[in-house]
Amino acid sequence: MAKVGVLLSGCGVYDGSEIHEAVISLLALNRAGAEVVCMAPDVEQAVVNHLTGEQVDGISRNVLEESARIVRGEISDIAKIKATDIDALFIPGGFGAAKNLCDFAFKGPDCDVQKDVARLIREVVAAKKPLAAVCIAPALVAKVLGAELTPQVTIGSDEGTAEAVSSMGATHVACPVTEFVIDKENKVITSPAYMLAGNISEAAEGIEKTVDALMKMID
């Protein structure tokens, strides 16, 4: 049974993992027969009120603890996970991917990536194992891999974000919400999900196709 790591970034679209994307991914991986290994960094995050979209001052939450809400507590600190523990890696989106796994949301192309997130992405790609990322998460992948490998990725069709991704060394490929982009050389698969999706069904179609492609790419 293939082991697929799922890297989460909290719980909630505005300050963590996009919950629809995370659950759709987990369901698709389970249906594909994968053993899922969930992980998140053990770091603090700012909190956003999901009713108003505004940040709550003076409050922070732990990304690992918040991510555990999505997966019923079955999750590990990413610092304890190595590429040898998994056969592939999947990264859902949500602003947490751009705030907690890196700070792309604040610094754009000049962002920094959380050290264990960067380490694991590099390990996975160096081991020739497939990696998938959806929504805004491909920007994170572009930052980690762009300078060395020039991966082909998509965030959909938003020109500003696409330009930022390209400036980090990746090659951006425009893509509709229900499809995906494969970089066969680097074994990187990306799909727009809620960067473009107008509803959960649209997000699901692209994510499910991405999971299918990921599973077929596992040796």
N, C-alpha and C. Protein backbone atom coordinates (compact mmCIF):
# COMPACT_ATOMS: atom_id res chain seq x y z
N MET A 1 0.84 -1.20 0.00
CA MET A 1 0.00 0.00 0.00
C MET A 1 0.87 1.25 0.00
N ALA A 2 0.63 2.14 -0.95
CA ALA A 2 1.41 3.37 -1.05
C ALA A 2 1.10 4.29 0.13
N LYS A 3 2.14 4.92 0.66
CA LYS A 3 1.99 5.89 1.73
C LYS A 3 2.11 7.30 1.14
N VAL A 4 1.06 8.08 1.33
CA VAL A 4 1.06 9.45 0.80
C VAL A 4 1.00 10.44 1.95
N GLY A 5 2.00 11.28 2.04
CA GLY A 5 1.99 12.33 3.05
C GLY A 5 1.05 13.45 2.64
N VAL A 6 0.28 13.95 3.59
CA VAL A 6 -0.60 15.10 3.34
C VAL A 6 -0.17 16.21 4.30
N LEU A 7 0.31 17.29 3.74
CA LEU A 7 0.84 18.41 4.54
C LEU A 7 -0.23 19.46 4.76
N LEU A 8 -0.67 19.60 6.00
CA LEU A 8 -1.70 20.56 6.35
C LEU A 8 -1.09 21.81 6.98
N SER A 9 -1.89 22.87 7.05
CA SER A 9 -1.36 24.16 7.51
C SER A 9 -2.29 24.86 8.49
N GLY A 10 -3.12 24.09 9.19
CA GLY A 10 -4.09 24.66 10.10
C GLY A 10 -5.49 24.21 9.72
N CYS A 11 -6.50 24.93 10.17
CA CYS A 11 -7.88 24.50 9.95
C CYS A 11 -8.76 25.71 9.61
N GLY A 12 -9.00 25.93 8.33
CA GLY A 12 -9.84 27.05 7.91
C GLY A 12 -9.19 27.83 6.79
N VAL A 13 -9.95 28.20 5.79
CA VAL A 13 -9.40 28.77 4.57
C VAL A 13 -8.58 30.04 4.81
N TYR A 14 -8.97 30.88 5.77
CA TYR A 14 -8.31 32.17 5.92
C TYR A 14 -7.02 32.12 6.75
N ASP A 15 -6.85 31.10 7.56
CA ASP A 15 -5.64 31.02 8.38
C ASP A 15 -5.07 29.62 8.48
N GLY A 16 -5.51 28.71 7.60
CA GLY A 16 -5.03 27.33 7.65
C GLY A 16 -5.31 26.62 6.35
N SER A 17 -5.44 25.30 6.41
CA SER A 17 -5.80 24.52 5.23
C SER A 17 -7.25 24.80 4.85
N GLU A 18 -7.52 24.86 3.54
CA GLU A 18 -8.87 24.97 3.04
C GLU A 18 -9.54 23.61 3.33
N ILE A 19 -10.58 23.60 4.15
CA ILE A 19 -11.11 22.34 4.67
C ILE A 19 -11.72 21.49 3.57
N HIS A 20 -12.44 22.10 2.62
CA HIS A 20 -12.98 21.31 1.51
C HIS A 20 -11.85 20.61 0.76
N GLU A 21 -10.81 21.36 0.43
CA GLU A 21 -9.69 20.78 -0.32
C GLU A 21 -9.02 19.65 0.47
N ALA A 22 -8.83 19.86 1.76
CA ALA A 22 -8.19 18.84 2.58
C ALA A 22 -9.02 17.57 2.64
N VAL A 23 -10.32 17.71 2.89
CA VAL A 23 -11.18 16.54 3.03
C VAL A 23 -11.37 15.82 1.69
N ILE A 24 -11.55 16.56 0.61
CA ILE A 24 -11.66 15.94 -0.71
C ILE A 24 -10.38 15.15 -1.02
N SER A 25 -9.24 15.72 -0.71
CA SER A 25 -7.96 15.05 -0.95
C SER A 25 -7.84 13.77 -0.14
N LEU A 26 -8.18 13.86 1.13
CA LEU A 26 -8.10 12.69 2.00
C LEU A 26 -9.05 11.59 1.54
N LEU A 27 -10.25 11.97 1.12
CA LEU A 27 -11.23 10.99 0.64
C LEU A 27 -10.75 10.34 -0.65
N ALA A 28 -10.25 11.15 -1.58
CA ALA A 28 -9.77 10.61 -2.85
C ALA A 28 -8.58 9.67 -2.64
N LEU A 29 -7.69 10.03 -1.75
CA LEU A 29 -6.53 9.17 -1.47
C LEU A 29 -6.97 7.86 -0.83
N ASN A 30 -7.92 7.93 0.09
CA ASN A 30 -8.43 6.72 0.73
C ASN A 30 -9.09 5.80 -0.30
N ARG A 31 -9.90 6.37 -1.17
CA ARG A 31 -10.58 5.58 -2.19
C ARG A 31 -9.59 4.97 -3.18
N ALA A 32 -8.45 5.63 -3.35
CA ALA A 32 -7.42 5.12 -4.25
C ALA A 32 -6.56 4.05 -3.60
N GLY A 33 -6.81 3.77 -2.32
CA GLY A 33 -6.09 2.72 -1.62
C GLY A 33 -4.81 3.15 -0.96
N ALA A 34 -4.60 4.46 -0.83
CA ALA A 34 -3.38 4.96 -0.19
C ALA A 34 -3.49 4.92 1.33
N GLU A 35 -2.36 4.74 1.97
CA GLU A 35 -2.25 4.97 3.41
C GLU A 35 -1.80 6.40 3.60
N VAL A 36 -2.59 7.19 4.28
CA VAL A 36 -2.31 8.62 4.40
C VAL A 36 -1.49 8.89 5.66
N VAL A 37 -0.46 9.69 5.51
CA VAL A 37 0.39 10.11 6.63
C VAL A 37 0.26 11.63 6.73
N CYS A 38 -0.57 12.09 7.66
CA CYS A 38 -0.81 13.53 7.78
C CYS A 38 0.24 14.19 8.66
N MET A 39 0.55 15.42 8.32
CA MET A 39 1.59 16.15 9.04
C MET A 39 1.32 17.64 8.97
N ALA A 40 1.95 18.39 9.89
CA ALA A 40 1.88 19.84 9.90
C ALA A 40 3.04 20.35 10.75
N PRO A 41 3.47 21.58 10.53
CA PRO A 41 4.53 22.13 11.39
C PRO A 41 4.00 22.52 12.76
N ASP A 42 4.81 22.36 13.76
CA ASP A 42 4.45 22.71 15.13
C ASP A 42 4.86 24.16 15.37
N VAL A 43 4.06 25.08 14.84
CA VAL A 43 4.33 26.51 14.94
C VAL A 43 3.04 27.24 15.28
N GLU A 44 3.16 28.48 15.69
CA GLU A 44 1.98 29.28 16.02
C GLU A 44 1.49 30.06 14.80
N GLN A 45 0.19 30.33 14.76
CA GLN A 45 -0.39 31.08 13.66
C GLN A 45 -1.29 32.18 14.20
N ALA A 46 -1.44 33.25 13.43
CA ALA A 46 -2.45 34.26 13.72
C ALA A 46 -3.82 33.67 13.42
N VAL A 47 -4.86 34.22 14.05
CA VAL A 47 -6.22 33.70 13.92
C VAL A 47 -7.08 34.68 13.16
N VAL A 48 -7.87 34.16 12.21
CA VAL A 48 -8.80 34.97 11.44
C VAL A 48 -10.23 34.55 11.77
N ASN A 49 -11.07 35.51 12.06
CA ASN A 49 -12.50 35.26 12.27
C ASN A 49 -13.11 34.92 10.92
N HIS A 50 -13.59 33.68 10.78
CA HIS A 50 -14.09 33.25 9.47
C HIS A 50 -15.49 33.79 9.15
N LEU A 51 -16.11 34.45 10.10
CA LEU A 51 -17.37 35.14 9.81
C LEU A 51 -17.13 36.50 9.16
N THR A 52 -16.09 37.18 9.63
CA THR A 52 -15.82 38.54 9.15
C THR A 52 -14.62 38.61 8.20
N GLY A 53 -13.75 37.61 8.24
CA GLY A 53 -12.53 37.64 7.44
C GLY A 53 -11.44 38.51 8.04
N GLU A 54 -11.64 38.98 9.26
CA GLU A 54 -10.68 39.87 9.90
C GLU A 54 -9.82 39.12 10.91
N GLN A 55 -8.56 39.53 11.01
CA GLN A 55 -7.66 38.92 11.97
C GLN A 55 -8.07 39.29 13.39
N VAL A 56 -7.96 38.33 14.30
CA VAL A 56 -8.28 38.55 15.70
C VAL A 56 -6.99 38.91 16.43
N ASP A 57 -6.90 40.13 16.91
CA ASP A 57 -5.67 40.60 17.56
C ASP A 57 -5.47 39.93 18.91
N GLY A 58 -4.20 39.66 19.21
CA GLY A 58 -3.84 39.13 20.53
C GLY A 58 -4.08 37.66 20.72
N ILE A 59 -4.43 36.93 19.65
CA ILE A 59 -4.70 35.50 19.76
C ILE A 59 -3.88 34.75 18.72
N SER A 60 -3.32 33.61 19.12
CA SER A 60 -2.65 32.73 18.17
C SER A 60 -3.06 31.30 18.46
N ARG A 61 -2.91 30.45 17.48
CA ARG A 61 -3.20 29.03 17.63
C ARG A 61 -2.08 28.22 17.02
N ASN A 62 -1.94 26.99 17.47
CA ASN A 62 -0.88 26.12 17.00
C ASN A 62 -1.31 25.42 15.72
N VAL A 63 -0.47 25.49 14.70
CA VAL A 63 -0.82 24.93 13.39
C VAL A 63 -1.01 23.41 13.45
N LEU A 64 -0.14 22.72 14.18
CA LEU A 64 -0.27 21.27 14.30
C LEU A 64 -1.56 20.89 15.02
N GLU A 65 -1.86 21.59 16.11
CA GLU A 65 -3.07 21.30 16.86
C GLU A 65 -4.33 21.60 16.04
N GLU A 66 -4.32 22.71 15.31
CA GLU A 66 -5.47 23.05 14.49
C GLU A 66 -5.66 22.05 13.34
N SER A 67 -4.55 21.63 12.74
CA SER A 67 -4.63 20.65 11.65
C SER A 67 -5.19 19.33 12.14
N ALA A 68 -4.91 18.99 13.40
CA ALA A 68 -5.40 17.74 13.98
C ALA A 68 -6.93 17.69 13.99
N ARG A 69 -7.59 18.84 13.98
CA ARG A 69 -9.05 18.87 13.95
C ARG A 69 -9.59 18.21 12.67
N ILE A 70 -8.89 18.42 11.57
CA ILE A 70 -9.37 17.91 10.28
C ILE A 70 -9.23 16.40 10.20
N VAL A 71 -8.20 15.85 10.83
CA VAL A 71 -7.86 14.43 10.64
C VAL A 71 -8.09 13.61 11.90
N ARG A 72 -8.96 14.10 12.76
CA ARG A 72 -9.35 13.34 13.96
C ARG A 72 -8.16 12.95 14.83
N GLY A 73 -7.16 13.84 14.86
CA GLY A 73 -6.02 13.66 15.74
C GLY A 73 -4.90 12.81 15.19
N GLU A 74 -5.09 12.20 14.02
CA GLU A 74 -4.07 11.32 13.45
C GLU A 74 -3.09 12.14 12.61
N ILE A 75 -2.11 12.75 13.28
CA ILE A 75 -1.20 13.65 12.59
C ILE A 75 0.13 13.73 13.32
N SER A 76 1.20 14.02 12.57
CA SER A 76 2.54 14.10 13.14
C SER A 76 3.16 15.46 12.88
N ASP A 77 4.10 15.83 13.70
CA ASP A 77 4.92 17.02 13.48
C ASP A 77 5.77 16.76 12.24
N ILE A 78 5.75 17.66 11.26
CA ILE A 78 6.51 17.45 10.04
C ILE A 78 8.01 17.30 10.32
N ALA A 79 8.48 17.84 11.41
CA ALA A 79 9.90 17.72 11.75
C ALA A 79 10.32 16.27 11.93
N LYS A 80 9.36 15.39 12.20
CA LYS A 80 9.65 13.97 12.43
C LYS A 80 9.47 13.12 11.18
N ILE A 81 9.06 13.73 10.06
CA ILE A 81 8.79 13.00 8.83
C ILE A 81 9.92 13.21 7.83
N LYS A 82 10.37 12.11 7.23
CA LYS A 82 11.38 12.17 6.17
C LYS A 82 10.80 11.59 4.89
N ALA A 83 11.45 11.88 3.78
CA ALA A 83 10.97 11.37 2.50
C ALA A 83 10.95 9.84 2.47
N THR A 84 11.82 9.21 3.25
CA THR A 84 11.85 7.75 3.30
C THR A 84 10.60 7.17 3.97
N ASP A 85 9.83 8.01 4.67
CA ASP A 85 8.62 7.55 5.35
C ASP A 85 7.40 7.51 4.44
N ILE A 86 7.49 8.15 3.26
CA ILE A 86 6.32 8.26 2.38
C ILE A 86 6.73 7.96 0.94
N ASP A 87 5.72 7.69 0.11
CA ASP A 87 5.95 7.42 -1.31
C ASP A 87 5.58 8.61 -2.18
N ALA A 88 4.85 9.57 -1.62
CA ALA A 88 4.44 10.77 -2.35
C ALA A 88 3.99 11.80 -1.33
N LEU A 89 3.86 13.05 -1.79
CA LEU A 89 3.45 14.14 -0.91
C LEU A 89 2.35 14.94 -1.58
N PHE A 90 1.30 15.29 -0.81
CA PHE A 90 0.19 16.09 -1.31
C PHE A 90 0.02 17.30 -0.40
N ILE A 91 -0.12 18.49 -1.01
CA ILE A 91 -0.27 19.73 -0.23
C ILE A 91 -1.56 20.43 -0.63
N PRO A 92 -2.60 20.40 0.21
CA PRO A 92 -3.81 21.19 -0.06
C PRO A 92 -3.51 22.68 0.09
N GLY A 93 -4.45 23.50 -0.40
CA GLY A 93 -4.27 24.94 -0.31
C GLY A 93 -4.95 25.55 0.90
N GLY A 94 -5.43 26.76 0.73
CA GLY A 94 -5.88 27.57 1.85
C GLY A 94 -4.80 28.58 2.17
N PHE A 95 -5.18 29.71 2.77
CA PHE A 95 -4.19 30.75 3.05
C PHE A 95 -3.11 30.28 4.02
N GLY A 96 -3.39 29.21 4.77
CA GLY A 96 -2.36 28.67 5.66
C GLY A 96 -1.12 28.22 4.90
N ALA A 97 -1.32 27.73 3.68
CA ALA A 97 -0.17 27.32 2.87
C ALA A 97 0.72 28.51 2.55
N ALA A 98 0.11 29.69 2.46
CA ALA A 98 0.86 30.91 2.12
C ALA A 98 1.18 31.77 3.34
N LYS A 99 0.68 31.38 4.52
CA LYS A 99 0.95 32.13 5.74
C LYS A 99 1.78 31.32 6.75
N ASN A 100 1.48 30.01 6.85
CA ASN A 100 2.06 29.19 7.90
C ASN A 100 3.15 28.24 7.40
N LEU A 101 3.01 27.77 6.16
CA LEU A 101 4.06 26.92 5.58
C LEU A 101 5.16 27.78 4.96
N CYS A 102 4.78 28.99 4.58
CA CYS A 102 5.71 30.01 4.12
C CYS A 102 5.04 31.35 4.37
N ASP A 103 5.66 32.45 3.98
CA ASP A 103 5.02 33.76 4.17
C ASP A 103 4.80 34.46 2.83
N PHE A 104 4.47 33.67 1.82
CA PHE A 104 4.17 34.21 0.49
C PHE A 104 3.03 35.23 0.55
N ALA A 105 2.05 35.01 1.44
CA ALA A 105 0.91 35.92 1.55
C ALA A 105 1.34 37.33 1.94
N PHE A 106 2.49 37.44 2.62
CA PHE A 106 2.95 38.73 3.11
C PHE A 106 4.10 39.30 2.27
N LYS A 107 4.97 38.43 1.77
CA LYS A 107 6.20 38.88 1.11
C LYS A 107 6.23 38.56 -0.39
N GLY A 108 5.25 37.82 -0.88
CA GLY A 108 5.28 37.45 -2.29
C GLY A 108 6.51 36.65 -2.65
N PRO A 109 7.13 36.92 -3.79
CA PRO A 109 8.29 36.15 -4.23
C PRO A 109 9.49 36.20 -3.28
N ASP A 110 9.53 37.19 -2.39
CA ASP A 110 10.64 37.29 -1.43
C ASP A 110 10.38 36.47 -0.17
N CYS A 111 9.42 35.57 -0.22
CA CYS A 111 9.01 34.82 0.96
C CYS A 111 10.06 33.83 1.44
N ASP A 112 9.92 33.45 2.69
CA ASP A 112 10.72 32.38 3.28
C ASP A 112 9.79 31.19 3.54
N VAL A 113 10.35 29.99 3.47
CA VAL A 113 9.59 28.76 3.67
C VAL A 113 9.99 28.14 5.01
N GLN A 114 9.00 27.66 5.75
CA GLN A 114 9.27 26.98 7.02
C GLN A 114 10.30 25.87 6.77
N LYS A 115 11.30 25.77 7.62
CA LYS A 115 12.48 24.96 7.31
C LYS A 115 12.17 23.50 7.05
N ASP A 116 11.30 22.88 7.85
CA ASP A 116 11.00 21.46 7.65
C ASP A 116 10.12 21.23 6.43
N VAL A 117 9.29 22.21 6.09
CA VAL A 117 8.50 22.13 4.86
C VAL A 117 9.43 22.14 3.66
N ALA A 118 10.37 23.07 3.63
CA ALA A 118 11.33 23.14 2.53
C ALA A 118 12.17 21.88 2.46
N ARG A 119 12.61 21.41 3.61
CA ARG A 119 13.44 20.19 3.65
C ARG A 119 12.71 19.00 3.06
N LEU A 120 11.45 18.79 3.48
CA LEU A 120 10.72 17.61 3.03
C LEU A 120 10.41 17.69 1.53
N ILE A 121 10.03 18.87 1.05
CA ILE A 121 9.78 19.01 -0.38
C ILE A 121 11.04 18.67 -1.18
N ARG A 122 12.17 19.18 -0.76
CA ARG A 122 13.42 18.88 -1.46
C ARG A 122 13.76 17.40 -1.38
N GLU A 123 13.56 16.80 -0.23
CA GLU A 123 13.84 15.37 -0.08
C GLU A 123 12.98 14.54 -1.00
N VAL A 124 11.69 14.85 -1.05
CA VAL A 124 10.75 14.08 -1.88
C VAL A 124 11.14 14.17 -3.35
N VAL A 125 11.41 15.37 -3.82
CA VAL A 125 11.75 15.56 -5.24
C VAL A 125 13.11 14.93 -5.55
N ALA A 126 14.07 15.06 -4.64
CA ALA A 126 15.39 14.47 -4.86
C ALA A 126 15.31 12.95 -4.93
N ALA A 127 14.36 12.36 -4.22
CA ALA A 127 14.17 10.91 -4.22
C ALA A 127 13.33 10.44 -5.40
N LYS A 128 12.97 11.36 -6.30
CA LYS A 128 12.17 11.05 -7.49
C LYS A 128 10.79 10.52 -7.13
N LYS A 129 10.26 11.03 -6.01
CA LYS A 129 8.92 10.67 -5.60
C LYS A 129 7.97 11.80 -6.00
N PRO A 130 6.73 11.47 -6.37
CA PRO A 130 5.81 12.51 -6.86
C PRO A 130 5.29 13.43 -5.75
N LEU A 131 5.02 14.66 -6.15
CA LEU A 131 4.50 15.68 -5.25
C LEU A 131 3.33 16.37 -5.95
N ALA A 132 2.23 16.56 -5.23
CA ALA A 132 1.08 17.29 -5.77
C ALA A 132 0.75 18.45 -4.85
N ALA A 133 0.32 19.55 -5.45
CA ALA A 133 -0.07 20.73 -4.68
C ALA A 133 -1.23 21.41 -5.40
N VAL A 134 -2.19 21.92 -4.64
CA VAL A 134 -3.37 22.54 -5.24
C VAL A 134 -3.60 23.93 -4.65
N CYS A 135 -4.43 24.71 -5.37
CA CYS A 135 -4.80 26.05 -4.94
C CYS A 135 -3.57 26.95 -4.91
N ILE A 136 -3.26 27.60 -3.80
CA ILE A 136 -2.10 28.47 -3.70
C ILE A 136 -0.83 27.72 -3.34
N ALA A 137 -0.93 26.46 -2.94
CA ALA A 137 0.24 25.69 -2.53
C ALA A 137 1.32 25.57 -3.61
N PRO A 138 0.97 25.57 -4.91
CA PRO A 138 2.04 25.54 -5.91
C PRO A 138 3.01 26.71 -5.81
N ALA A 139 2.59 27.84 -5.27
CA ALA A 139 3.51 28.96 -5.07
C ALA A 139 4.60 28.58 -4.08
N LEU A 140 4.23 27.82 -3.07
CA LEU A 140 5.20 27.31 -2.10
C LEU A 140 6.21 26.40 -2.78
N VAL A 141 5.70 25.51 -3.63
CA VAL A 141 6.57 24.59 -4.36
C VAL A 141 7.50 25.36 -5.28
N ALA A 142 6.98 26.40 -5.93
CA ALA A 142 7.81 27.23 -6.81
C ALA A 142 8.96 27.86 -6.05
N LYS A 143 8.70 28.33 -4.83
CA LYS A 143 9.75 28.98 -4.04
C LYS A 143 10.84 27.98 -3.68
N VAL A 144 10.45 26.77 -3.31
CA VAL A 144 11.43 25.78 -2.86
C VAL A 144 12.24 25.23 -4.03
N LEU A 145 11.59 24.99 -5.15
CA LEU A 145 12.24 24.28 -6.26
C LEU A 145 12.63 25.17 -7.44
N GLY A 146 12.07 26.39 -7.50
CA GLY A 146 12.19 27.20 -8.70
C GLY A 146 13.60 27.49 -9.15
N ALA A 147 14.47 27.89 -8.25
CA ALA A 147 15.81 28.32 -8.64
C ALA A 147 16.63 27.19 -9.24
N GLU A 148 16.37 25.97 -8.79
CA GLU A 148 17.19 24.83 -9.22
C GLU A 148 16.55 24.01 -10.33
N LEU A 149 15.22 23.79 -10.24
CA LEU A 149 14.58 22.81 -11.11
C LEU A 149 13.60 23.41 -12.12
N THR A 150 13.22 24.66 -11.97
CA THR A 150 12.26 25.32 -12.86
C THR A 150 11.02 24.46 -13.09
N PRO A 151 10.30 24.09 -12.04
CA PRO A 151 9.14 23.22 -12.23
C PRO A 151 8.01 23.91 -12.97
N GLN A 152 7.22 23.13 -13.71
CA GLN A 152 6.00 23.63 -14.32
C GLN A 152 4.87 23.46 -13.31
N VAL A 153 4.17 24.56 -13.01
CA VAL A 153 3.08 24.51 -12.04
C VAL A 153 1.94 25.41 -12.52
N THR A 154 0.78 25.26 -11.86
CA THR A 154 -0.35 26.15 -12.13
C THR A 154 -1.00 26.61 -10.83
N ILE A 155 -1.47 27.84 -10.84
CA ILE A 155 -2.38 28.31 -9.79
C ILE A 155 -3.71 28.71 -10.43
N GLY A 156 -3.86 28.34 -11.71
CA GLY A 156 -5.07 28.66 -12.44
C GLY A 156 -4.79 29.69 -13.51
N SER A 157 -5.35 30.91 -13.33
CA SER A 157 -5.19 31.94 -14.36
C SER A 157 -5.00 33.35 -13.82
N ASP A 158 -4.88 33.50 -12.51
CA ASP A 158 -4.69 34.84 -11.93
C ASP A 158 -3.33 35.39 -12.35
N GLU A 159 -3.33 36.49 -13.07
CA GLU A 159 -2.10 37.00 -13.67
C GLU A 159 -1.08 37.43 -12.63
N GLY A 160 -1.53 38.11 -11.57
CA GLY A 160 -0.61 38.59 -10.56
C GLY A 160 0.11 37.46 -9.85
N THR A 161 -0.65 36.44 -9.45
CA THR A 161 -0.05 35.30 -8.76
C THR A 161 0.83 34.51 -9.70
N ALA A 162 0.39 34.37 -10.95
CA ALA A 162 1.19 33.65 -11.94
C ALA A 162 2.53 34.35 -12.16
N GLU A 163 2.53 35.67 -12.20
CA GLU A 163 3.78 36.42 -12.37
C GLU A 163 4.70 36.21 -11.17
N ALA A 164 4.12 36.18 -9.97
CA ALA A 164 4.92 35.95 -8.76
C ALA A 164 5.54 34.56 -8.79
N VAL A 165 4.75 33.57 -9.20
CA VAL A 165 5.25 32.19 -9.31
C VAL A 165 6.40 32.12 -10.32
N SER A 166 6.24 32.78 -11.45
CA SER A 166 7.28 32.77 -12.48
C SER A 166 8.54 33.46 -12.00
N SER A 167 8.37 34.52 -11.21
CA SER A 167 9.54 35.26 -10.73
C SER A 167 10.36 34.46 -9.73
N MET A 168 9.77 33.38 -9.18
CA MET A 168 10.51 32.52 -8.26
C MET A 168 11.21 31.38 -8.98
N GLY A 169 11.13 31.38 -10.31
CA GLY A 169 11.89 30.41 -11.09
C GLY A 169 11.06 29.30 -11.69
N ALA A 170 9.78 29.21 -11.34
CA ALA A 170 8.92 28.18 -11.92
C ALA A 170 8.38 28.65 -13.26
N THR A 171 7.84 27.71 -14.03
CA THR A 171 7.14 28.03 -15.26
C THR A 171 5.65 27.87 -15.01
N HIS A 172 4.91 28.98 -15.11
CA HIS A 172 3.48 28.88 -14.85
C HIS A 172 2.73 28.50 -16.10
N VAL A 173 1.77 27.55 -15.94
CA VAL A 173 0.94 27.09 -17.04
C VAL A 173 -0.52 27.36 -16.66
N ALA A 174 -1.21 28.16 -17.46
CA ALA A 174 -2.62 28.42 -17.19
C ALA A 174 -3.42 27.12 -17.28
N CYS A 175 -4.42 26.98 -16.40
CA CYS A 175 -5.14 25.71 -16.31
C CYS A 175 -6.55 25.95 -15.79
N PRO A 176 -7.57 25.33 -16.38
CA PRO A 176 -8.93 25.44 -15.86
C PRO A 176 -9.09 24.68 -14.54
N VAL A 177 -10.11 25.02 -13.80
CA VAL A 177 -10.28 24.50 -12.44
C VAL A 177 -10.43 22.99 -12.38
N THR A 178 -11.01 22.38 -13.41
CA THR A 178 -11.28 20.95 -13.36
C THR A 178 -10.14 20.10 -13.93
N GLU A 179 -9.03 20.74 -14.26
CA GLU A 179 -7.90 20.01 -14.83
C GLU A 179 -6.66 20.17 -13.96
N PHE A 180 -5.54 19.69 -14.44
CA PHE A 180 -4.30 19.73 -13.68
C PHE A 180 -3.12 19.82 -14.64
N VAL A 181 -1.96 20.16 -14.10
CA VAL A 181 -0.73 20.26 -14.88
C VAL A 181 0.28 19.28 -14.32
N ILE A 182 0.92 18.53 -15.21
CA ILE A 182 1.95 17.58 -14.78
C ILE A 182 3.31 18.03 -15.30
N ASP A 183 4.27 18.15 -14.41
CA ASP A 183 5.67 18.31 -14.76
C ASP A 183 6.28 16.92 -14.64
N LYS A 184 6.38 16.22 -15.76
CA LYS A 184 6.83 14.83 -15.72
C LYS A 184 8.27 14.69 -15.27
N GLU A 185 9.10 15.63 -15.66
CA GLU A 185 10.52 15.53 -15.31
C GLU A 185 10.73 15.61 -13.80
N ASN A 186 10.03 16.53 -13.14
CA ASN A 186 10.19 16.69 -11.69
C ASN A 186 9.14 15.95 -10.87
N LYS A 187 8.20 15.31 -11.55
CA LYS A 187 7.11 14.58 -10.89
C LYS A 187 6.29 15.48 -9.98
N VAL A 188 5.94 16.65 -10.50
CA VAL A 188 5.14 17.63 -9.76
C VAL A 188 3.79 17.80 -10.47
N ILE A 189 2.71 17.69 -9.71
CA ILE A 189 1.35 17.80 -10.26
C ILE A 189 0.64 18.92 -9.51
N THR A 190 -0.02 19.82 -10.24
CA THR A 190 -0.70 20.95 -9.60
C THR A 190 -2.06 21.19 -10.25
N SER A 191 -2.98 21.77 -9.46
CA SER A 191 -4.33 22.06 -9.94
C SER A 191 -4.86 23.29 -9.21
N PRO A 192 -5.72 24.10 -9.86
CA PRO A 192 -6.15 25.38 -9.27
C PRO A 192 -7.04 25.28 -8.04
N ALA A 193 -7.92 24.26 -7.97
CA ALA A 193 -8.88 24.14 -6.86
C ALA A 193 -9.55 25.49 -6.60
N TYR A 194 -9.57 25.95 -5.34
CA TYR A 194 -10.32 27.16 -5.01
C TYR A 194 -9.65 28.48 -5.45
N MET A 195 -8.53 28.39 -6.14
CA MET A 195 -8.05 29.60 -6.81
C MET A 195 -9.02 30.00 -7.93
N LEU A 196 -9.76 29.00 -8.43
CA LEU A 196 -10.73 29.25 -9.49
C LEU A 196 -12.12 28.71 -9.19
N ALA A 197 -12.22 27.72 -8.34
CA ALA A 197 -13.49 27.00 -8.15
C ALA A 197 -14.60 27.91 -7.65
N GLY A 198 -15.77 27.76 -8.27
CA GLY A 198 -16.93 28.50 -7.81
C GLY A 198 -17.77 27.71 -6.83
N ASN A 199 -17.49 26.42 -6.72
CA ASN A 199 -18.22 25.57 -5.78
C ASN A 199 -17.39 24.33 -5.48
N ILE A 200 -17.85 23.53 -4.53
CA ILE A 200 -17.09 22.38 -4.07
C ILE A 200 -16.96 21.31 -5.15
N SER A 201 -17.96 21.20 -6.01
CA SER A 201 -17.90 20.18 -7.07
C SER A 201 -16.78 20.48 -8.05
N GLU A 202 -16.62 21.75 -8.41
CA GLU A 202 -15.53 22.12 -9.32
C GLU A 202 -14.18 21.85 -8.68
N ALA A 203 -14.04 22.21 -7.41
CA ALA A 203 -12.79 21.94 -6.72
C ALA A 203 -12.51 20.45 -6.66
N ALA A 204 -13.55 19.66 -6.38
CA ALA A 204 -13.39 18.22 -6.24
C ALA A 204 -12.93 17.57 -7.54
N GLU A 205 -13.47 18.01 -8.67
CA GLU A 205 -13.11 17.36 -9.93
C GLU A 205 -11.62 17.49 -10.21
N GLY A 206 -11.08 18.69 -10.05
CA GLY A 206 -9.66 18.88 -10.28
C GLY A 206 -8.79 18.15 -9.28
N ILE A 207 -9.19 18.18 -8.01
CA ILE A 207 -8.42 17.50 -6.97
C ILE A 207 -8.42 16.00 -7.17
N GLU A 208 -9.57 15.44 -7.49
CA GLU A 208 -9.66 13.99 -7.69
C GLU A 208 -8.80 13.54 -8.88
N LYS A 209 -8.78 14.34 -9.94
CA LYS A 209 -7.92 14.02 -11.07
C LYS A 209 -6.45 14.12 -10.68
N THR A 210 -6.13 15.10 -9.84
CA THR A 210 -4.76 15.27 -9.37
C THR A 210 -4.32 14.08 -8.53
N VAL A 211 -5.19 13.63 -7.63
CA VAL A 211 -4.88 12.45 -6.81
C VAL A 211 -4.68 11.22 -7.69
N ASP A 212 -5.54 11.06 -8.68
CA ASP A 212 -5.41 9.91 -9.59
C ASP A 212 -4.06 9.94 -10.30
N ALA A 213 -3.67 11.11 -10.79
CA ALA A 213 -2.37 11.24 -11.46
C ALA A 213 -1.22 10.98 -10.50
N LEU A 214 -1.35 11.45 -9.27
CA LEU A 214 -0.32 11.24 -8.26
C LEU A 214 -0.13 9.75 -7.98
N MET A 215 -1.22 9.03 -7.80
CA MET A 215 -1.13 7.61 -7.50
C MET A 215 -0.52 6.83 -8.66
N LYS A 216 -0.82 7.21 -9.89
CA LYS A 216 -0.26 6.53 -11.05
C LYS A 216 1.23 6.79 -11.21
N MET A 217 1.71 7.88 -10.62
CA MET A 217 3.11 8.24 -10.74
C MET A 217 3.99 7.59 -9.67
N ILE A 218 3.37 6.98 -8.67
CA ILE A 218 4.14 6.32 -7.61
C ILE A 218 4.74 5.03 -8.15
N ASP A 219 6.04 4.86 -7.99
CA ASP A 219 6.72 3.66 -8.48
C ASP A 219 6.32 2.42 -7.68
